PDB file of N, CA and C in Angstrom:
ATOM      1  N   MET A   1     -15.850  -5.963  13.625  1.00  0.00           N
ATOM      2  CA  MET A   1     -14.734  -6.728  13.122  1.00  0.00           C
ATOM      3  C   MET A   1     -14.114  -7.492  14.283  1.00  0.00           C
ATOM      4  N   GLU A   2     -13.833  -8.749  14.045  1.00  0.00           N
ATOM      5  CA  GLU A   2     -13.247  -9.586  15.087  1.00  0.00           C
ATOM      6  C   GLU A   2     -11.736  -9.430  15.105  1.00  0.00           C
ATOM      7  N   ILE A   3     -11.119  -9.933  16.168  1.00  0.00           N
ATOM      8  CA  ILE A   3      -9.679  -9.764  16.353  1.00  0.00           C
ATOM      9  C   ILE A   3      -8.870 -10.467  15.278  1.00  0.00           C
ATOM     10  N   ASP A   4      -9.332 -11.623  14.793  1.00  0.00           N
ATOM     11  CA  ASP A   4      -8.572 -12.306  13.748  1.00  0.00           C
ATOM     12  C   ASP A   4      -8.643 -11.546  12.431  1.00  0.00           C
ATOM     13  N   GLY A   5      -9.725 -10.826  12.179  1.00  0.00           N
ATOM     14  CA  GLY A   5      -9.819  -9.983  10.989  1.00  0.00           C
ATOM     15  C   GLY A   5      -8.863  -8.799  11.058  1.00  0.00           C
ATOM     16  N   ILE A   6      -8.724  -8.231  12.246  1.00  0.00           N
ATOM     17  CA  ILE A   6      -7.795  -7.117  12.443  1.00  0.00           C
ATOM     18  C   ILE A   6      -6.361  -7.596  12.274  1.00  0.00           C
ATOM     19  N   ILE A   7      -6.049  -8.743  12.859  1.00  0.00           N
ATOM     20  CA  ILE A   7      -4.693  -9.282  12.760  1.00  0.00           C
ATOM     21  C   ILE A   7      -4.364  -9.633  11.309  1.00  0.00           C
ATOM     22  N   SER A   8      -5.298 -10.232  10.600  1.00  0.00           N
ATOM     23  CA  SER A   8      -5.031 -10.579   9.199  1.00  0.00           C
ATOM     24  C   SER A   8      -4.887  -9.317   8.344  1.00  0.00           C
ATOM     25  N   ALA A   9      -5.639  -8.259   8.642  1.00  0.00           N
ATOM     26  CA  ALA A   9      -5.485  -6.997   7.906  1.00  0.00           C
ATOM     27  C   ALA A   9      -4.111  -6.400   8.149  1.00  0.00           C
ATOM     28  N   LEU A  10      -3.605  -6.489   9.381  1.00  0.00           N
ATOM     29  CA  LEU A  10      -2.265  -5.987   9.679  1.00  0.00           C
ATOM     30  C   LEU A  10      -1.194  -6.796   8.951  1.00  0.00           C
ATOM     31  N   VAL A  11      -1.356  -8.105   8.928  1.00  0.00           N
ATOM     32  CA  VAL A  11      -0.368  -8.962   8.264  1.00  0.00           C
ATOM     33  C   VAL A  11      -0.377  -8.724   6.755  1.00  0.00           C
ATOM     34  N   VAL A  12      -1.558  -8.696   6.162  1.00  0.00           N
ATOM     35  CA  VAL A  12      -1.664  -8.464   4.718  1.00  0.00           C
ATOM     36  C   VAL A  12      -1.142  -7.066   4.374  1.00  0.00           C
ATOM     37  N   GLY A  13      -1.477  -6.075   5.192  1.00  0.00           N
ATOM     38  CA  GLY A  13      -0.982  -4.722   4.961  1.00  0.00           C
ATOM     39  C   GLY A  13       0.528  -4.643   5.044  1.00  0.00           C
ATOM     40  N   ALA A  14       1.106  -5.344   6.005  1.00  0.00           N
ATOM     41  CA  ALA A  14       2.569  -5.349   6.139  1.00  0.00           C
ATOM     42  C   ALA A  14       3.217  -6.014   4.931  1.00  0.00           C
ATOM     43  N   ILE A  15       2.634  -7.096   4.455  1.00  0.00           N
ATOM     44  CA  ILE A  15       3.206  -7.805   3.302  1.00  0.00           C
ATOM     45  C   ILE A  15       3.096  -6.949   2.039  1.00  0.00           C
ATOM     46  N   ILE A  16       1.930  -6.384   1.796  1.00  0.00           N
ATOM     47  CA  ILE A  16       1.735  -5.576   0.590  1.00  0.00           C
ATOM     48  C   ILE A  16       2.601  -4.317   0.644  1.00  0.00           C
ATOM     49  N   GLY A  17       2.682  -3.672   1.802  1.00  0.00           N
ATOM     50  CA  GLY A  17       3.542  -2.499   1.941  1.00  0.00           C
ATOM     51  C   GLY A  17       5.012  -2.827   1.754  1.00  0.00           C
ATOM     52  N   THR A  18       5.445  -3.965   2.286  1.00  0.00           N
ATOM     53  CA  THR A  18       6.838  -4.383   2.121  1.00  0.00           C
ATOM     54  C   THR A  18       7.157  -4.712   0.672  1.00  0.00           C
ATOM     55  N   VAL A  19       6.261  -5.399  -0.005  1.00  0.00           N
ATOM     56  CA  VAL A  19       6.477  -5.702  -1.424  1.00  0.00           C
ATOM     57  C   VAL A  19       6.546  -4.405  -2.230  1.00  0.00           C
ATOM     58  N   ALA A  20       5.704  -3.439  -1.890  1.00  0.00           N
ATOM     59  CA  ALA A  20       5.736  -2.150  -2.585  1.00  0.00           C
ATOM     60  C   ALA A  20       7.073  -1.457  -2.395  1.00  0.00           C
ATOM     61  N   ARG A  21       7.623  -1.517  -1.188  1.00  0.00           N
ATOM     62  CA  ARG A  21       8.928  -0.894  -0.940  1.00  0.00           C
ATOM     63  C   ARG A  21      10.036  -1.625  -1.680  1.00  0.00           C
ATOM     64  N   LEU A  22       9.904  -2.942  -1.840  1.00  0.00           N
ATOM     65  CA  LEU A  22      10.907  -3.707  -2.579  1.00  0.00           C
ATOM     66  C   LEU A  22      10.850  -3.422  -4.080  1.00  0.00           C
ATOM     67  N   VAL A  23       9.666  -3.126  -4.588  1.00  0.00           N
ATOM     68  CA  VAL A  23       9.496  -2.841  -6.015  1.00  0.00           C
ATOM     69  C   VAL A  23      10.102  -1.481  -6.367  1.00  0.00           C
ATOM     70  N   LEU A  24       9.979  -0.510  -5.470  1.00  0.00           N
ATOM     71  CA  LEU A  24      10.507   0.829  -5.739  1.00  0.00           C
ATOM     72  C   LEU A  24      12.031   0.840  -5.659  1.00  0.00           C
ATOM     73  N   PRO A  25      12.681   1.485  -6.615  1.00  0.00           N
ATOM     74  CA  PRO A  25      14.139   1.576  -6.541  1.00  0.00           C
ATOM     75  C   PRO A  25      14.577   2.635  -5.536  1.00  0.00           C
ATOM     76  N   GLY A  26      15.758   2.464  -4.984  1.00  0.00           N
ATOM     77  CA  GLY A  26      16.311   3.455  -4.068  1.00  0.00           C
ATOM     78  C   GLY A  26      15.777   3.315  -2.655  1.00  0.00           C
ATOM     79  N   LYS A  27      16.138   4.295  -1.839  1.00  0.00           N
ATOM     80  CA  LYS A  27      15.729   4.277  -0.436  1.00  0.00           C
ATOM     81  C   LYS A  27      14.472   5.123  -0.255  1.00  0.00           C
ATOM     82  N   GLN A  28      13.533   4.578   0.485  1.00  0.00           N
ATOM     83  CA  GLN A  28      12.312   5.306   0.794  1.00  0.00           C
ATOM     84  C   GLN A  28      12.369   5.777   2.250  1.00  0.00           C
ATOM     85  N   ARG A  29      11.951   6.990   2.468  1.00  0.00           N
ATOM     86  CA  ARG A  29      11.938   7.539   3.818  1.00  0.00           C
ATOM     87  C   ARG A  29      10.550   7.379   4.427  1.00  0.00           C
ATOM     88  N   VAL A  30      10.144   6.150   4.555  1.00  0.00           N
ATOM     89  CA  VAL A  30       8.844   5.820   5.122  1.00  0.00           C
ATOM     90  C   VAL A  30       9.084   4.806   6.222  1.00  0.00           C
ATOM     91  N   GLY A  31       8.535   5.060   7.402  1.00  0.00           N
ATOM     92  CA  GLY A  31       8.699   4.146   8.517  1.00  0.00           C
ATOM     93  C   GLY A  31       7.870   2.886   8.359  1.00  0.00           C
ATOM     94  N   TRP A  32       8.131   1.919   9.224  1.00  0.00           N
ATOM     95  CA  TRP A  32       7.428   0.641   9.101  1.00  0.00           C
ATOM     96  C   TRP A  32       5.957   0.767   9.454  1.00  0.00           C
ATOM     97  N   VAL A  33       5.593   1.680  10.348  1.00  0.00           N
ATOM     98  CA  VAL A  33       4.173   1.852  10.690  1.00  0.00           C
ATOM     99  C   VAL A  33       3.414   2.418   9.488  1.00  0.00           C
ATOM    100  N   MET A  34       3.991   3.426   8.836  1.00  0.00           N
ATOM    101  CA  MET A  34       3.337   3.989   7.654  1.00  0.00           C
ATOM    102  C   MET A  34       3.322   2.999   6.496  1.00  0.00           C
ATOM    103  N   THR A  35       4.326   2.141   6.425  1.00  0.00           N
ATOM    104  CA  THR A  35       4.336   1.097   5.404  1.00  0.00           C
ATOM    105  C   THR A  35       3.137   0.169   5.589  1.00  0.00           C
ATOM    106  N   ILE A  36       2.862  -0.205   6.828  1.00  0.00           N
ATOM    107  CA  ILE A  36       1.708  -1.066   7.108  1.00  0.00           C
ATOM    108  C   ILE A  36       0.407  -0.338   6.818  1.00  0.00           C
ATOM    109  N   VAL A  37       0.321   0.930   7.215  1.00  0.00           N
ATOM    110  CA  VAL A  37      -0.897   1.708   6.972  1.00  0.00           C
ATOM    111  C   VAL A  37      -1.153   1.846   5.471  1.00  0.00           C
ATOM    112  N   ILE A  38      -0.111   2.170   4.720  1.00  0.00           N
ATOM    113  CA  ILE A  38      -0.251   2.279   3.262  1.00  0.00           C
ATOM    114  C   ILE A  38      -0.655   0.932   2.668  1.00  0.00           C
ATOM    115  N   GLY A  39      -0.076  -0.150   3.173  1.00  0.00           N
ATOM    116  CA  GLY A  39      -0.425  -1.484   2.688  1.00  0.00           C
ATOM    117  C   GLY A  39      -1.876  -1.841   2.968  1.00  0.00           C
ATOM    118  N   ILE A  40      -2.374  -1.482   4.151  1.00  0.00           N
ATOM    119  CA  ILE A  40      -3.775  -1.771   4.494  1.00  0.00           C
ATOM    120  C   ILE A  40      -4.711  -0.977   3.596  1.00  0.00           C
ATOM    121  N   VAL A  41      -4.433   0.319   3.441  1.00  0.00           N
ATOM    122  CA  VAL A  41      -5.281   1.161   2.591  1.00  0.00           C
ATOM    123  C   VAL A  41      -5.239   0.669   1.145  1.00  0.00           C
ATOM    124  N   ALA A  42      -4.054   0.314   0.659  1.00  0.00           N
ATOM    125  CA  ALA A  42      -3.927  -0.192  -0.708  1.00  0.00           C
ATOM    126  C   ALA A  42      -4.660  -1.516  -0.885  1.00  0.00           C
ATOM    127  N   ALA A  43      -4.620  -2.368   0.134  1.00  0.00           N
ATOM    128  CA  ALA A  43      -5.339  -3.644   0.055  1.00  0.00           C
ATOM    129  C   ALA A  43      -6.845  -3.417  -0.040  1.00  0.00           C
ATOM    130  N   LEU A  44      -7.355  -2.488   0.755  1.00  0.00           N
ATOM    131  CA  LEU A  44      -8.792  -2.191   0.713  1.00  0.00           C
ATOM    132  C   LEU A  44      -9.187  -1.567  -0.627  1.00  0.00           C
ATOM    133  N   LEU A  45      -8.394  -0.587  -1.091  1.00  0.00           N
ATOM    134  CA  LEU A  45      -8.699   0.058  -2.367  1.00  0.00           C
ATOM    135  C   LEU A  45      -8.545  -0.918  -3.537  1.00  0.00           C
ATOM    136  N   GLY A  46      -7.533  -1.761  -3.493  1.00  0.00           N
ATOM    137  CA  GLY A  46      -7.331  -2.746  -4.557  1.00  0.00           C
ATOM    138  C   GLY A  46      -8.465  -3.748  -4.644  1.00  0.00           C
ATOM    139  N   THR A  47      -8.981  -4.153  -3.498  1.00  0.00           N
ATOM    140  CA  THR A  47     -10.131  -5.054  -3.481  1.00  0.00           C
ATOM    141  C   THR A  47     -11.359  -4.363  -4.062  1.00  0.00           C
ATOM    142  N   GLY A  48     -11.530  -3.080  -3.725  1.00  0.00           N
ATOM    143  CA  GLY A  48     -12.648  -2.307  -4.277  1.00  0.00           C
ATOM    144  C   GLY A  48     -12.548  -2.160  -5.785  1.00  0.00           C
ATOM    145  N   VAL A  49     -11.354  -1.858  -6.279  1.00  0.00           N
ATOM    146  CA  VAL A  49     -11.145  -1.716  -7.722  1.00  0.00           C
ATOM    147  C   VAL A  49     -11.398  -3.045  -8.427  1.00  0.00           C
ATOM    148  N   ALA A  50     -10.912  -4.132  -7.840  1.00  0.00           N
ATOM    149  CA  ALA A  50     -11.110  -5.449  -8.454  1.00  0.00           C
ATOM    150  C   ALA A  50     -12.586  -5.829  -8.489  1.00  0.00           C
ATOM    151  N   SER A  51     -13.330  -5.483  -7.446  1.00  0.00           N
ATOM    152  CA  SER A  51     -14.754  -5.833  -7.436  1.00  0.00           C
ATOM    153  C   SER A  51     -15.542  -4.990  -8.433  1.00  0.00           C
ATOM    154  N   VAL A  52     -15.117  -3.742  -8.660  1.00  0.00           N
ATOM    155  CA  VAL A  52     -15.790  -2.909  -9.665  1.00  0.00           C
ATOM    156  C   VAL A  52     -15.621  -3.504 -11.056  1.00  0.00           C
ATOM    157  N   PHE A  53     -14.423  -4.027 -11.336  1.00  0.00           N
ATOM    158  CA  PHE A  53     -14.166  -4.623 -12.648  1.00  0.00           C
ATOM    159  C   PHE A  53     -14.579  -6.088 -12.720  1.00  0.00           C
ATOM    160  N   GLY A  54     -15.096  -6.631 -11.629  1.00  0.00           N
ATOM    161  CA  GLY A  54     -15.622  -7.986 -11.641  1.00  0.00           C
ATOM    162  C   GLY A  54     -14.579  -9.083 -11.603  1.00  0.00           C
ATOM    163  N   VAL A  55     -13.373  -8.792 -11.125  1.00  0.00           N
ATOM    164  CA  VAL A  55     -12.344  -9.822 -11.079  1.00  0.00           C
ATOM    165  C   VAL A  55     -12.126 -10.352  -9.671  1.00  0.00           C
ATOM    166  N   ALA A  56     -12.837  -9.835  -8.698  1.00  0.00           N
ATOM    167  CA  ALA A  56     -12.690 -10.323  -7.328  1.00  0.00           C
ATOM    168  C   ALA A  56     -13.553 -11.577  -7.133  1.00  0.00           C
ATOM    169  N   ASP A  57     -13.285 -12.295  -6.102  1.00  0.00           N
ATOM    170  CA  ASP A  57     -14.049 -13.488  -5.717  1.00  0.00           C
ATOM    171  C   ASP A  57     -13.993 -14.593  -6.764  1.00  0.00           C
ATOM    172  N   THR A  58     -12.810 -14.864  -7.261  1.00  0.00           N
ATOM    173  CA  THR A  58     -12.637 -16.002  -8.159  1.00  0.00           C
ATOM    174  C   THR A  58     -12.048 -17.156  -7.358  1.00  0.00           C
ATOM    175  N   ALA A  59     -12.070 -18.319  -7.927  1.00  0.00           N
ATOM    176  CA  ALA A  59     -11.483 -19.467  -7.252  1.00  0.00           C
ATOM    177  C   ALA A  59      -9.963 -19.366  -7.317  1.00  0.00           C
ATOM    178  N   GLY A  60      -9.300 -19.590  -6.205  1.00  0.00           N
ATOM    179  CA  GLY A  60      -7.840 -19.518  -6.169  1.00  0.00           C
ATOM    180  C   GLY A  60      -7.360 -18.115  -5.859  1.00  0.00           C
ATOM    181  N   VAL A  61      -6.172 -17.820  -6.327  1.00  0.00           N
ATOM    182  CA  VAL A  61      -5.558 -16.523  -6.071  1.00  0.00           C
ATOM    183  C   VAL A  61      -6.079 -15.509  -7.072  1.00  0.00           C
ATOM    184  N   ASP A  62      -6.500 -14.361  -6.589  1.00  0.00           N
ATOM    185  CA  ASP A  62      -6.944 -13.273  -7.450  1.00  0.00           C
ATOM    186  C   ASP A  62      -5.734 -12.436  -7.829  1.00  0.00           C
ATOM    187  N   TRP A  63      -5.073 -12.811  -8.934  1.00  0.00           N
ATOM    188  CA  TRP A  63      -3.824 -12.166  -9.317  1.00  0.00           C
ATOM    189  C   TRP A  63      -4.024 -10.714  -9.697  1.00  0.00           C
ATOM    190  N   LEU A  64      -5.090 -10.407 -10.418  1.00  0.00           N
ATOM    191  CA  LEU A  64      -5.337  -9.019 -10.796  1.00  0.00           C
ATOM    192  C   LEU A  64      -5.603  -8.149  -9.570  1.00  0.00           C
ATOM    193  N   GLU A  65      -6.325  -8.687  -8.616  1.00  0.00           N
ATOM    194  CA  GLU A  65      -6.581  -7.960  -7.378  1.00  0.00           C
ATOM    195  C   GLU A  65      -5.268  -7.725  -6.624  1.00  0.00           C
ATOM    196  N   LEU A  66      -4.432  -8.747  -6.559  1.00  0.00           N
ATOM    197  CA  LEU A  66      -3.153  -8.628  -5.873  1.00  0.00           C
ATOM    198  C   LEU A  66      -2.249  -7.598  -6.550  1.00  0.00           C
ATOM    199  N   PHE A  67      -2.196  -7.604  -7.883  1.00  0.00           N
ATOM    200  CA  PHE A  67      -1.388  -6.624  -8.602  1.00  0.00           C
ATOM    201  C   PHE A  67      -1.924  -5.210  -8.408  1.00  0.00           C
ATOM    202  N   ALA A  68      -3.252  -5.069  -8.354  1.00  0.00           N
ATOM    203  CA  ALA A  68      -3.842  -3.747  -8.100  1.00  0.00           C
ATOM    204  C   ALA A  68      -3.471  -3.259  -6.704  1.00  0.00           C
ATOM    205  N   GLN A  69      -3.518  -4.147  -5.711  1.00  0.00           N
ATOM    206  CA  GLN A  69      -3.162  -3.773  -4.347  1.00  0.00           C
ATOM    207  C   GLN A  69      -1.698  -3.348  -4.252  1.00  0.00           C
ATOM    208  N   ILE A  70      -0.817  -4.111  -4.864  1.00  0.00           N
ATOM    209  CA  ILE A  70       0.613  -3.781  -4.822  1.00  0.00           C
ATOM    210  C   ILE A  70       0.879  -2.488  -5.593  1.00  0.00           C
ATOM    211  N   GLY A  71       0.239  -2.326  -6.735  1.00  0.00           N
ATOM    212  CA  GLY A  71       0.407  -1.093  -7.509  1.00  0.00           C
ATOM    213  C   GLY A  71      -0.034   0.135  -6.735  1.00  0.00           C
ATOM    214  N   LEU A  72      -1.159   0.034  -6.052  1.00  0.00           N
ATOM    215  CA  LEU A  72      -1.632   1.161  -5.240  1.00  0.00           C
ATOM    216  C   LEU A  72      -0.695   1.425  -4.063  1.00  0.00           C
ATOM    217  N   ALA A  73      -0.139   0.367  -3.492  1.00  0.00           N
ATOM    218  CA  ALA A  73       0.812   0.545  -2.393  1.00  0.00           C
ATOM    219  C   ALA A  73       2.100   1.190  -2.890  1.00  0.00           C
ATOM    220  N   VAL A  74       2.540   0.829  -4.087  1.00  0.00           N
ATOM    221  CA  VAL A  74       3.734   1.453  -4.672  1.00  0.00           C
ATOM    222  C   VAL A  74       3.490   2.951  -4.854  1.00  0.00           C
ATOM    223  N   VAL A  75       2.330   3.300  -5.360  1.00  0.00           N
ATOM    224  CA  VAL A  75       1.998   4.716  -5.543  1.00  0.00           C
ATOM    225  C   VAL A  75       1.967   5.429  -4.192  1.00  0.00           C
ATOM    226  N   GLY A  76       1.359   4.805  -3.195  1.00  0.00           N
ATOM    227  CA  GLY A  76       1.275   5.419  -1.867  1.00  0.00           C
ATOM    228  C   GLY A  76       2.638   5.621  -1.226  1.00  0.00           C
ATOM    229  N   VAL A  77       3.488   4.607  -1.279  1.00  0.00           N
ATOM    230  CA  VAL A  77       4.829   4.722  -0.695  1.00  0.00           C
ATOM    231  C   VAL A  77       5.638   5.763  -1.457  1.00  0.00           C
ATOM    232  N   SER A  78       5.509   5.770  -2.765  1.00  0.00           N
ATOM    233  CA  SER A  78       6.245   6.729  -3.582  1.00  0.00           C
ATOM    234  C   SER A  78       5.815   8.161  -3.278  1.00  0.00           C
ATOM    235  N   LEU A  79       4.518   8.390  -3.167  1.00  0.00           N
ATOM    236  CA  LEU A  79       4.027   9.729  -2.859  1.00  0.00           C
ATOM    237  C   LEU A  79       4.468  10.188  -1.477  1.00  0.00           C
ATOM    238  N   LEU A  80       4.364   9.314  -0.505  1.00  0.00           N
ATOM    239  CA  LEU A  80       4.755   9.695   0.850  1.00  0.00           C
ATOM    240  C   LEU A  80       6.255   9.900   0.950  1.00  0.00           C
ATOM    241  N   SER A  81       7.029   9.048   0.314  1.00  0.00           N
ATOM    242  CA  SER A  81       8.475   9.184   0.341  1.00  0.00           C
ATOM    243  C   SER A  81       8.911  10.443  -0.400  1.00  0.00           C
ATOM    244  N   GLY A  82       8.247  10.747  -1.504  1.00  0.00           N
ATOM    245  CA  GLY A  82       8.568  11.954  -2.269  1.00  0.00           C
ATOM    246  C   GLY A  82       8.236  13.218  -1.520  1.00  0.00           C
ATOM    247  N   SER A  83       7.173  13.182  -0.742  1.00  0.00           N
ATOM    248  CA  SER A  83       6.808  14.379   0.018  1.00  0.00           C
ATOM    249  C   SER A  83       7.783  14.632   1.155  1.00  0.00           C
ATOM    250  N   LYS A  84       8.452  13.602   1.644  1.00  0.00           N
ATOM    251  CA  LYS A  84       9.423  13.778   2.714  1.00  0.00           C
ATOM    252  C   LYS A  84      10.781  14.209   2.182  1.00  0.00           C
ATOM    253  N   ASP A  85      11.039  14.011   0.885  1.00  0.00           N
ATOM    254  CA  ASP A  85      12.326  14.366   0.307  1.00  0.00           C
ATOM    255  C   ASP A  85      12.402  15.834  -0.116  1.00  0.00           C
ATOM    256  N   ARG A  86      11.273  16.497  -0.263  1.00  0.00           N
ATOM    257  CA  ARG A  86      11.275  17.871  -0.739  1.00  0.00           C
ATOM    258  C   ARG A  86      11.826  18.814   0.323  1.00  0.00           C
ATOM    259  N   PRO A  87      12.656  19.737  -0.099  1.00  0.00           N
ATOM    260  CA  PRO A  87      13.139  20.733   0.880  1.00  0.00           C
ATOM    261  C   PRO A  87      12.023  21.713   1.221  1.00  0.00           C
ATOM    262  N   LYS A  88      12.032  22.217   2.420  1.00  0.00           N
ATOM    263  CA  LYS A  88      11.014  23.164   2.845  1.00  0.00           C
ATOM    264  C   LYS A  88      11.383  24.548   2.335  1.00  0.00           C
ATOM    265  N   ILE A  89      10.388  25.259   1.856  1.00  0.00           N
ATOM    266  CA  ILE A  89      10.594  26.606   1.337  1.00  0.00           C
ATOM    267  C   ILE A  89      10.388  27.579   2.485  1.00  0.00           C
ATOM    268  N   THR A  90      11.378  28.408   2.691  1.00  0.00           N
ATOM    269  CA  THR A  90      11.258  29.430   3.737  1.00  0.00           C
ATOM    270  C   THR A  90      11.060  30.782   3.091  1.00  0.00           C
ATOM    271  N   SER A  91      10.481  31.679   3.838  1.00  0.00           N
ATOM    272  CA  SER A  91      10.171  32.995   3.290  1.00  0.00           C
ATOM    273  C   SER A  91      11.394  33.900   3.223  1.00  0.00           C
ATOM    274  N   GLY A  92      12.447  33.571   3.927  1.00  0.00           N
ATOM    275  CA  GLY A  92      13.662  34.375   3.895  1.00  0.00           C
ATOM    276  C   GLY A  92      13.623  35.593   4.805  1.00  0.00           C
ATOM    277  N   ARG A  93      12.678  35.680   5.676  1.00  0.00           N
ATOM    278  CA  ARG A  93      12.580  36.825   6.594  1.00  0.00           C
ATOM    279  C   ARG A  93      13.397  36.618   7.818  1.00  0.00           C
TER     280      ARG A  93
END
């Protein structure tokens, strides 16, 4: 992978992760680095899902692919934020 591919993956991941955080109501306890990581993973998975259903590689903007990527990022941010909100269970000893 070339450097421009890495930079574009970081930018797309940051945008998709940020949009996912904006879609979710309330405050999320997810840092900006994890937001980018979740966005990158969601972008890759969303592209894979779109190609399985045959909606990837169309002329213009692939709206279904974009919605799949954002939806997966919303799920990822929600899961990570929810796991940080849970209180820790202690044994009481």
